[in-house]
Protein backbone atom coordinates (compact mmCIF):
# COMPACT_ATOMS: atom_id res chain seq x y z
CA MET A 1 4.72 15.09 -14.15
CA ARG A 2 1.53 15.43 -15.19
CA ARG A 3 1.08 11.92 -13.69
CA LEU A 4 2.15 12.96 -10.69
CA LEU A 5 -0.01 16.00 -10.38
CA ALA A 6 -2.50 14.53 -10.74
CA ILE A 7 -2.00 11.99 -8.19
CA GLY A 8 -1.57 14.77 -6.39
CA LEU A 9 -4.58 16.53 -5.73
CA LEU A 10 -6.48 13.17 -4.90
CA LEU A 11 -4.08 12.43 -2.47
CA ILE A 12 -5.88 14.39 0.11
CA VAL A 13 -7.57 10.81 1.02
CA LEU A 14 -4.96 7.87 2.82
CA ALA A 15 -4.20 4.32 1.86
CA ALA A 16 -4.37 0.62 -0.76
CA CYS A 17 -2.31 -2.84 -1.51
CA GLY A 18 -3.37 -5.98 -2.49
CA GLU A 19 -1.76 -8.19 -5.48
CA ALA A 20 -0.49 -6.49 -7.61
CA GLU A 21 0.99 -6.81 -11.26
CA PRO A 22 3.94 -9.37 -11.89
CA ALA A 23 6.75 -7.53 -10.90
CA ALA A 24 10.14 -7.14 -13.09
CA GLU A 25 13.02 -6.83 -11.23
CA ALA A 26 12.90 -2.50 -10.53
CA ALA A 27 15.53 -0.14 -12.04
CA PRO A 28 16.03 3.56 -10.69
CA GLU A 29 15.20 6.07 -13.44
CA PRO A 30 16.32 9.65 -12.19
CA THR A 31 13.91 12.00 -12.36
CA GLU A 32 13.61 16.17 -12.26
CA GLY A 33 15.19 16.57 -8.66
CA GLY A 34 16.84 13.69 -7.99
CA VAL A 35 14.15 11.60 -6.85
CA LYS A 36 14.13 7.80 -7.69
CA GLN A 37 11.53 6.54 -10.32
CA TYR A 38 11.29 2.76 -10.67
CA SER A 39 9.37 1.24 -13.70
CA ALA A 40 7.22 -1.49 -11.98
CA HIS A 41 7.08 -2.90 -8.35
CA PRO A 42 9.90 -4.36 -7.40
CA GLY A 43 10.84 -8.56 -7.50
CA THR A 44 10.14 -10.00 -3.78
CA VAL A 45 12.45 -9.28 -1.26
CA ILE A 46 10.93 -10.39 1.99
CA GLU A 47 11.62 -14.09 2.99
CA ALA A 48 9.45 -16.23 3.45
CA GLY A 49 9.47 -18.06 7.36
CA LYS A 50 11.52 -14.36 8.16
CA SER A 51 10.19 -11.57 10.42
CA TYR A 52 10.81 -7.87 9.97
CA SER A 53 10.80 -4.66 11.77
CA ALA A 54 11.80 -0.99 11.17
CA VAL A 55 12.92 1.84 12.77
CA ILE A 56 11.93 4.86 11.64
CA LYS A 57 14.17 7.33 12.92
CA THR A 58 13.01 11.26 12.83
CA ASN A 59 14.44 14.39 14.25
CA LEU A 60 11.77 14.03 16.96
CA GLY A 61 13.00 10.77 18.20
CA ASP A 62 12.82 6.81 16.66
CA MET A 63 9.81 4.85 16.36
CA THR A 64 9.54 0.61 16.12
CA PHE A 65 7.14 -1.23 13.82
CA ASP A 66 6.55 -4.96 13.50
CA LEU A 67 5.83 -5.51 9.72
CA LEU A 68 2.73 -7.39 9.26
CA ALA A 69 4.22 -9.59 5.81
CA ASP A 70 1.32 -12.53 6.58
CA GLU A 71 -1.55 -9.87 6.38
CA SER A 72 0.18 -6.82 3.73
CA PRO A 73 3.10 -8.96 2.21
CA MET A 74 2.86 -6.67 -0.95
CA ALA A 75 3.43 -3.13 0.85
CA VAL A 76 5.34 -4.69 3.20
CA ASN A 77 7.96 -5.87 0.62
CA SER A 78 7.48 -2.66 -0.77
CA PHE A 79 8.80 -1.15 2.17
CA VAL A 80 11.06 -2.85 2.95
CA PHE A 81 12.59 -2.38 -0.67
CA LEU A 82 12.23 1.19 -0.57
CA ALA A 83 13.42 1.64 2.84
CA ARG A 84 16.81 -0.42 1.57
CA GLU A 85 16.84 2.17 -1.26
CA GLY A 86 17.25 5.27 1.30
CA TYR A 87 13.88 6.51 -0.29
CA PHE A 88 12.80 7.69 2.51
CA ASP A 89 16.12 9.27 3.67
CA GLY A 90 15.55 12.94 4.76
CA VAL A 91 12.09 12.99 3.99
CA ILE A 92 9.29 15.06 6.12
CA PHE A 93 5.82 14.76 7.54
CA HIS A 94 4.26 16.52 5.04
CA ARG A 95 0.35 16.65 6.25
CA ILE A 96 -0.20 16.13 10.18
CA ILE A 97 -3.87 16.05 11.23
CA PRO A 98 -3.70 15.84 15.60
CA GLY A 99 -6.15 12.54 16.55
CA PHE A 100 -5.98 11.15 13.25
CA MET A 101 -2.71 10.40 11.49
CA GLY A 102 0.98 11.84 10.80
CA GLN A 103 1.48 11.05 7.10
CA SER A 104 5.12 10.75 5.28
CA GLY A 105 6.73 8.67 2.87
CA ASP A 106 7.02 11.45 -0.24
CA PRO A 107 10.34 12.88 -1.60
CA THR A 108 8.83 15.78 -3.25
CA GLY A 109 7.37 16.70 0.30
CA THR A 110 3.78 17.75 -1.78
CA GLY A 111 1.53 14.58 -1.15
CA GLY A 112 1.51 14.24 -4.95
CA GLY A 113 5.00 11.81 -5.12
CA GLY A 114 5.78 8.28 -5.47
CA PRO A 115 8.31 6.08 -6.51
CA GLY A 116 6.65 5.14 -10.09
CA TYR A 117 5.10 1.94 -9.46
CA LYS A 118 1.48 1.78 -7.97
CA TYR A 119 -0.16 -1.47 -6.63
CA ASP A 120 -3.88 -2.40 -4.76
CA ILE A 121 -4.90 -2.14 -0.96
CA GLU A 122 -4.67 -6.09 0.86
CA THR A 123 -7.62 -5.05 3.02
CA PRO A 124 -6.76 -5.02 6.56
CA SER A 125 -7.86 -7.72 9.11
CA ARG A 126 -7.04 -5.72 12.31
CA PRO A 127 -8.92 -2.86 13.16
CA TYR A 128 -6.99 0.62 12.92
CA ILE A 129 -5.66 1.91 16.58
CA ARG A 130 -2.67 4.13 17.93
CA GLY A 131 0.78 3.51 16.31
CA SER A 132 -0.65 1.40 13.28
CA LEU A 133 0.89 1.79 10.12
CA ALA A 134 -0.59 1.82 7.19
CA MET A 135 -0.23 2.69 3.35
CA ALA A 136 -1.90 6.56 2.01
CA ASN A 137 -3.64 6.46 -1.68
CA ALA A 138 -6.04 8.50 -3.59
CA GLY A 139 -8.66 4.94 -4.32
CA PRO A 140 -8.66 1.53 -5.77
CA GLY A 141 -4.80 0.50 -7.25
CA THR A 142 -2.56 3.91 -6.12
CA ASN A 143 -0.79 2.72 -3.34
CA GLY A 144 3.19 3.93 -3.25
CA SER A 145 5.67 5.26 -1.27
CA GLN A 146 3.23 7.40 0.88
CA PHE A 147 2.54 5.89 4.27
CA PHE A 148 0.64 7.50 7.13
CA ILE A 149 1.08 6.71 11.40
CA VAL A 150 -2.12 6.60 13.12
CA PHE A 151 -2.84 8.77 16.51
CA ASP A 152 -6.34 6.90 18.04
CA ASN A 153 -8.59 3.85 17.72
CA LEU A 154 -9.73 5.82 14.12
CA THR A 155 -11.82 1.82 13.74
CA GLU A 156 -13.28 1.76 16.53
CA GLN A 157 -14.69 5.15 16.34
CA GLY A 158 -15.91 4.41 13.16
CA ARG A 159 -13.46 7.21 11.19
CA LEU A 160 -11.56 5.19 9.27
CA SER A 161 -12.79 2.15 7.10
CA PRO A 162 -11.24 -0.15 5.51
CA ASP A 163 -9.56 0.37 2.25
CA TYR A 164 -6.10 1.25 3.59
CA SER A 165 -3.06 -1.60 3.89
CA LEU A 166 -2.51 -1.65 7.29
CA PHE A 167 1.27 -2.57 7.30
CA GLY A 168 2.53 -2.81 10.54
CA GLN A 169 2.04 -1.96 14.39
CA MET A 170 4.44 0.41 17.14
CA THR A 171 6.15 -1.51 19.52
CA GLY A 172 8.15 1.37 20.99
CA GLY A 173 8.75 4.95 20.34
CA GLU A 174 5.64 6.57 21.91
CA PRO A 175 7.23 9.50 22.82
CA ALA A 176 8.32 10.48 19.50
CA LEU A 177 4.37 9.71 18.15
CA GLU A 178 3.62 12.37 20.87
CA ALA A 179 6.21 14.87 19.66
CA LEU A 180 4.61 13.72 15.74
CA GLU A 181 0.56 14.48 16.89
CA SER A 182 1.92 17.65 19.23
CA VAL A 183 3.21 19.38 16.25
CA PRO A 184 1.04 22.71 15.67
CA VAL A 185 -0.39 22.90 12.24
CA THR A 186 -1.98 25.13 10.01
CA ALA A 187 -4.81 25.16 6.89
CA LYS A 188 -3.54 24.49 3.48
CA PRO A 189 -5.29 26.17 0.94
CA SER A 190 -7.86 23.62 0.15
CA GLY A 191 -9.16 23.85 4.13
CA GLU A 192 -7.43 21.23 5.90
CA ARG A 193 -5.76 21.85 9.15
CA SER A 194 -2.89 19.70 8.51
CA GLN A 195 -0.23 21.74 7.05
CA PRO A 196 2.90 21.41 10.04
CA LEU A 197 4.37 24.70 11.06
CA GLU A 198 7.11 22.92 12.20
CA GLU A 199 9.61 20.45 10.40
CA VAL A 200 9.90 16.75 11.43
CA ARG A 201 11.83 14.75 8.80
CA ILE A 202 12.91 11.17 8.47
CA SER A 203 16.64 10.15 8.83
CA THR A 204 15.87 6.82 7.71
CA VAL A 205 14.15 4.12 8.25
CA GLU A 206 16.51 0.86 9.09
CA ILE A 207 14.90 -2.63 8.33
CA ILE A 208 15.68 -4.93 11.27
CA GLU A 209 14.89 -9.14 9.70
CA ARG A 210 14.97 -12.05 11.81
């Protein structure tokens, strides 16, 4: 818990992924509050030659993303694993910054939670644009389960450095993305205006394999 709280203080920043340590099979280990934890990054669950997409279903509507397994295989593999485990079911968007991004993927809803394993950044080969799906992090080697959806062309505007694994791009669900960006927010204790005043909750993340 002490480690998670320390990570929570750092997670005011966003995303990372790259080569991780060789992974054994990750076994669920229940923790306080029933949040699943895993002892290691999962073994490979995505298959070469197949394509993957994800439908993030929320109370504001559904958003569909092509997952970029060729560009960010570690991030896509982890996201697919966690989604199939139901890890994101019922999780809220705990941080929304209009014109910037909406962040989710933490079952504790605090911004300090994660799956129990971490991995490094895979440097993006494309810009962060509206609808980009990327990993949130607290610095090198701290990718976990938290992710964010981009609201604007942040690379072109020079507002986001390529330090966050870009592992998906939205292909459908603009009305839901507009609704997410339009959620009213207030200031957090840190002063950042990113605390949603209305609940946005993921019902489930459906993975489509082709």
